[in-house]
Amino acid sequence: WHGAKMLELTPGLKKMQLLPFTFAAYDTKAAKMAFFDPKRKEDFVSISGSKMRKLAREGQTPPEGFMDPEGWSILVKYYQSLEKPKNTDL
């Protein structure tokens, strides 16, 4: 289900006007985040929040232009700090 459709069907929200938004994805040609262009769909990669968190937990580097390197390093430190300590049997 698309989120907008779900909101349209939610009782009590019938009077609310839902504003459309433009989907952003990683543009491999421009090497940066950009608004998705369906005419060039093969040039775009969707990096979901789940995928981003996985990359950060694993200390991997996202594609150049995906995010400011300083901001990315903060995310990596945060998500790696959430890791459970490994069992240290003696």
N, C-alpha and C. Protein backbone atom coordinates (compact mmCIF):
# COMPACT_ATOMS: atom_id res chain seq x y z
N TRP A 1 0.83 -1.19 0.00
CA TRP A 1 0.00 0.00 0.00
C TRP A 1 0.87 1.23 0.00
N HIS A 2 0.43 2.20 -0.69
CA HIS A 2 1.13 3.48 -0.71
C HIS A 2 0.61 4.28 0.48
N GLY A 3 1.52 4.98 1.16
CA GLY A 3 1.17 5.73 2.36
C GLY A 3 0.05 6.73 2.14
N ALA A 4 0.05 7.41 0.98
CA ALA A 4 -0.99 8.41 0.71
C ALA A 4 -2.37 7.74 0.63
N LYS A 5 -2.43 6.56 0.01
CA LYS A 5 -3.70 5.85 -0.12
C LYS A 5 -4.22 5.46 1.27
N MET A 6 -3.31 4.99 2.11
CA MET A 6 -3.70 4.61 3.46
C MET A 6 -4.26 5.81 4.22
N LEU A 7 -3.61 6.96 4.09
CA LEU A 7 -4.10 8.16 4.78
C LEU A 7 -5.46 8.60 4.24
N GLU A 8 -5.66 8.44 2.93
CA GLU A 8 -6.95 8.82 2.33
C GLU A 8 -8.09 7.99 2.92
N LEU A 9 -7.80 6.76 3.27
CA LEU A 9 -8.83 5.85 3.77
C LEU A 9 -8.99 5.89 5.29
N THR A 10 -8.18 6.68 5.96
CA THR A 10 -8.23 6.76 7.41
C THR A 10 -9.40 7.63 7.85
N PRO A 11 -10.29 7.08 8.69
CA PRO A 11 -11.41 7.88 9.17
C PRO A 11 -10.89 9.11 9.93
N GLY A 12 -11.56 10.21 9.76
CA GLY A 12 -11.17 11.43 10.46
C GLY A 12 -10.20 12.30 9.67
N LEU A 13 -9.63 11.75 8.62
CA LEU A 13 -8.68 12.54 7.82
C LEU A 13 -9.26 12.92 6.46
N LYS A 14 -10.54 12.69 6.29
CA LYS A 14 -11.19 12.97 4.99
C LYS A 14 -11.07 14.44 4.59
N LYS A 15 -11.05 15.34 5.58
CA LYS A 15 -11.00 16.77 5.28
C LYS A 15 -9.57 17.27 5.06
N MET A 16 -8.60 16.42 5.33
CA MET A 16 -7.20 16.84 5.21
C MET A 16 -6.75 16.73 3.75
N GLN A 17 -6.12 17.79 3.27
CA GLN A 17 -5.57 17.76 1.92
C GLN A 17 -4.15 17.21 1.99
N LEU A 18 -3.93 16.11 1.29
CA LEU A 18 -2.61 15.50 1.27
C LEU A 18 -1.79 16.11 0.14
N LEU A 19 -0.59 16.54 0.47
CA LEU A 19 0.28 17.15 -0.53
C LEU A 19 1.20 16.10 -1.13
N PRO A 20 1.30 16.09 -2.43
CA PRO A 20 2.20 15.12 -3.06
C PRO A 20 3.66 15.50 -2.80
N PHE A 21 4.54 14.55 -2.84
CA PHE A 21 5.95 14.84 -2.69
C PHE A 21 6.71 14.15 -3.81
N THR A 22 7.87 14.67 -4.10
CA THR A 22 8.71 14.11 -5.15
C THR A 22 9.70 13.15 -4.51
N PHE A 23 9.82 11.98 -5.08
CA PHE A 23 10.69 10.93 -4.57
C PHE A 23 12.14 11.25 -4.93
N ALA A 24 13.01 11.19 -3.96
CA ALA A 24 14.44 11.40 -4.19
C ALA A 24 15.16 10.06 -4.17
N ALA A 25 16.18 9.94 -5.00
CA ALA A 25 16.98 8.73 -5.08
C ALA A 25 18.40 9.13 -5.47
N TYR A 26 19.31 8.17 -5.38
CA TYR A 26 20.70 8.45 -5.74
C TYR A 26 20.84 8.37 -7.26
N ASP A 27 21.26 9.49 -7.86
CA ASP A 27 21.47 9.59 -9.31
C ASP A 27 22.90 9.15 -9.59
N THR A 28 23.06 7.98 -10.21
CA THR A 28 24.40 7.44 -10.46
C THR A 28 25.16 8.24 -11.50
N LYS A 29 24.46 8.90 -12.41
CA LYS A 29 25.13 9.72 -13.44
C LYS A 29 25.68 11.01 -12.83
N ALA A 30 24.89 11.64 -11.97
CA ALA A 30 25.29 12.92 -11.36
C ALA A 30 26.08 12.70 -10.07
N ALA A 31 26.09 11.47 -9.57
CA ALA A 31 26.77 11.12 -8.31
C ALA A 31 26.29 11.97 -7.14
N LYS A 32 24.96 12.08 -7.03
CA LYS A 32 24.36 12.82 -5.92
C LYS A 32 22.90 12.44 -5.81
N MET A 33 22.30 12.84 -4.70
CA MET A 33 20.87 12.64 -4.52
C MET A 33 20.13 13.63 -5.43
N ALA A 34 19.04 13.16 -6.02
CA ALA A 34 18.27 14.00 -6.93
C ALA A 34 16.83 13.50 -6.97
N PHE A 35 15.96 14.32 -7.50
CA PHE A 35 14.58 13.88 -7.68
C PHE A 35 14.54 12.82 -8.78
N PHE A 36 13.82 11.74 -8.51
CA PHE A 36 13.72 10.62 -9.44
C PHE A 36 13.11 11.07 -10.76
N ASP A 37 13.73 10.66 -11.86
CA ASP A 37 13.23 10.97 -13.20
C ASP A 37 12.86 9.64 -13.86
N PRO A 38 11.55 9.37 -14.01
CA PRO A 38 11.13 8.08 -14.57
C PRO A 38 11.69 7.83 -15.98
N LYS A 39 12.03 8.88 -16.70
CA LYS A 39 12.59 8.71 -18.05
C LYS A 39 14.00 8.15 -17.99
N ARG A 40 14.66 8.28 -16.81
CA ARG A 40 16.03 7.80 -16.64
C ARG A 40 16.11 6.81 -15.47
N LYS A 41 15.08 6.01 -15.30
CA LYS A 41 14.98 5.16 -14.12
C LYS A 41 16.20 4.26 -13.91
N GLU A 42 16.87 3.86 -15.00
CA GLU A 42 18.04 3.00 -14.86
C GLU A 42 19.24 3.73 -14.23
N ASP A 43 19.18 5.06 -14.18
CA ASP A 43 20.27 5.87 -13.60
C ASP A 43 20.10 6.10 -12.09
N PHE A 44 19.01 5.63 -11.51
CA PHE A 44 18.72 5.91 -10.11
C PHE A 44 18.75 4.65 -9.26
N VAL A 45 19.22 4.83 -8.04
CA VAL A 45 19.25 3.75 -7.05
C VAL A 45 18.53 4.27 -5.81
N SER A 46 17.56 3.51 -5.36
CA SER A 46 16.84 3.88 -4.15
C SER A 46 17.61 3.32 -2.95
N ILE A 47 17.98 4.19 -2.04
CA ILE A 47 18.68 3.76 -0.83
C ILE A 47 17.71 3.96 0.33
N SER A 48 17.09 2.87 0.73
CA SER A 48 16.09 2.94 1.79
C SER A 48 16.74 3.24 3.13
N GLY A 49 15.94 3.62 4.09
CA GLY A 49 16.44 3.85 5.44
C GLY A 49 17.05 2.59 6.02
N SER A 50 16.44 1.44 5.73
CA SER A 50 16.98 0.16 6.23
C SER A 50 18.35 -0.11 5.64
N LYS A 51 18.49 0.13 4.34
CA LYS A 51 19.78 -0.09 3.68
C LYS A 51 20.83 0.88 4.23
N MET A 52 20.43 2.13 4.44
CA MET A 52 21.35 3.14 4.97
C MET A 52 21.84 2.75 6.36
N ARG A 53 20.92 2.31 7.22
CA ARG A 53 21.30 1.90 8.57
C ARG A 53 22.23 0.70 8.54
N LYS A 54 21.98 -0.24 7.64
CA LYS A 54 22.84 -1.43 7.50
C LYS A 54 24.25 -1.00 7.08
N LEU A 55 24.34 -0.13 6.10
CA LEU A 55 25.66 0.37 5.67
C LEU A 55 26.40 1.02 6.84
N ALA A 56 25.69 1.83 7.60
CA ALA A 56 26.30 2.53 8.73
C ALA A 56 26.76 1.54 9.80
N ARG A 57 25.90 0.57 10.15
CA ARG A 57 26.27 -0.43 11.16
C ARG A 57 27.52 -1.20 10.75
N GLU A 58 27.63 -1.48 9.44
CA GLU A 58 28.76 -2.25 8.94
C GLU A 58 29.98 -1.38 8.64
N GLY A 59 29.85 -0.07 8.85
CA GLY A 59 30.97 0.84 8.62
C GLY A 59 31.31 1.02 7.15
N GLN A 60 30.36 0.70 6.29
CA GLN A 60 30.58 0.86 4.85
C GLN A 60 30.37 2.31 4.44
N THR A 61 30.94 2.67 3.32
CA THR A 61 30.79 4.02 2.80
C THR A 61 29.71 4.03 1.73
N PRO A 62 28.76 4.96 1.82
CA PRO A 62 27.72 5.03 0.79
C PRO A 62 28.32 5.62 -0.49
N PRO A 63 27.58 5.60 -1.58
CA PRO A 63 28.10 6.19 -2.81
C PRO A 63 28.46 7.67 -2.61
N GLU A 64 29.51 8.11 -3.28
CA GLU A 64 29.92 9.51 -3.19
C GLU A 64 28.76 10.41 -3.60
N GLY A 65 28.52 11.43 -2.80
CA GLY A 65 27.43 12.36 -3.08
C GLY A 65 26.12 11.98 -2.41
N PHE A 66 26.07 10.80 -1.78
CA PHE A 66 24.84 10.38 -1.10
C PHE A 66 24.59 11.24 0.12
N MET A 67 25.67 11.53 0.86
CA MET A 67 25.53 12.27 2.10
C MET A 67 26.85 12.95 2.43
N ASP A 68 26.77 14.04 3.15
CA ASP A 68 27.96 14.74 3.62
C ASP A 68 28.82 13.76 4.43
N PRO A 69 30.13 13.64 4.13
CA PRO A 69 30.98 12.69 4.85
C PRO A 69 30.99 12.88 6.37
N GLU A 70 30.96 14.11 6.83
CA GLU A 70 30.95 14.34 8.28
C GLU A 70 29.65 13.83 8.90
N GLY A 71 28.55 14.09 8.23
CA GLY A 71 27.26 13.58 8.72
C GLY A 71 27.22 12.06 8.70
N TRP A 72 27.80 11.47 7.65
CA TRP A 72 27.82 10.01 7.56
C TRP A 72 28.63 9.41 8.71
N SER A 73 29.77 10.02 9.04
CA SER A 73 30.60 9.48 10.12
C SER A 73 29.85 9.51 11.45
N ILE A 74 29.02 10.53 11.65
CA ILE A 74 28.20 10.60 12.87
C ILE A 74 27.20 9.44 12.89
N LEU A 75 26.57 9.17 11.75
CA LEU A 75 25.62 8.05 11.68
C LEU A 75 26.32 6.71 11.94
N VAL A 76 27.50 6.54 11.35
CA VAL A 76 28.24 5.29 11.54
C VAL A 76 28.54 5.09 13.03
N LYS A 77 29.04 6.13 13.68
CA LYS A 77 29.36 6.02 15.12
C LYS A 77 28.11 5.67 15.91
N TYR A 78 27.02 6.32 15.59
CA TYR A 78 25.77 6.06 16.32
C TYR A 78 25.31 4.62 16.13
N TYR A 79 25.17 4.18 14.88
CA TYR A 79 24.64 2.84 14.64
C TYR A 79 25.60 1.75 15.10
N GLN A 80 26.89 2.01 15.06
CA GLN A 80 27.82 1.02 15.59
C GLN A 80 27.78 0.97 17.12
N SER A 81 27.42 2.07 17.74
CA SER A 81 27.31 2.08 19.20
C SER A 81 26.11 1.26 19.68
N LEU A 82 25.17 0.99 18.79
CA LEU A 82 23.99 0.21 19.15
C LEU A 82 24.26 -1.29 19.11
N GLU A 83 25.39 -1.68 18.54
CA GLU A 83 25.73 -3.10 18.45
C GLU A 83 25.81 -3.71 19.84
N LYS A 84 25.31 -4.89 19.95
CA LYS A 84 25.38 -5.60 21.22
C LYS A 84 26.80 -6.11 21.41
N PRO A 85 27.31 -6.07 22.64
CA PRO A 85 28.66 -6.60 22.87
C PRO A 85 28.70 -8.09 22.52
N LYS A 86 29.81 -8.50 21.94
CA LYS A 86 29.98 -9.90 21.57
C LYS A 86 30.26 -10.73 22.82
N ASN A 87 29.85 -11.98 22.80
CA ASN A 87 30.07 -12.89 23.92
C ASN A 87 31.58 -13.11 24.07
N THR A 88 32.10 -12.82 25.23
CA THR A 88 33.53 -12.95 25.46
C THR A 88 33.78 -14.07 26.46
N ASP A 89 33.54 -15.30 26.04
CA ASP A 89 33.80 -16.45 26.90
C ASP A 89 35.31 -16.58 27.11
N LEU A 90 35.70 -16.80 28.33
CA LEU A 90 37.13 -16.99 28.63
C LEU A 90 37.50 -18.43 28.61
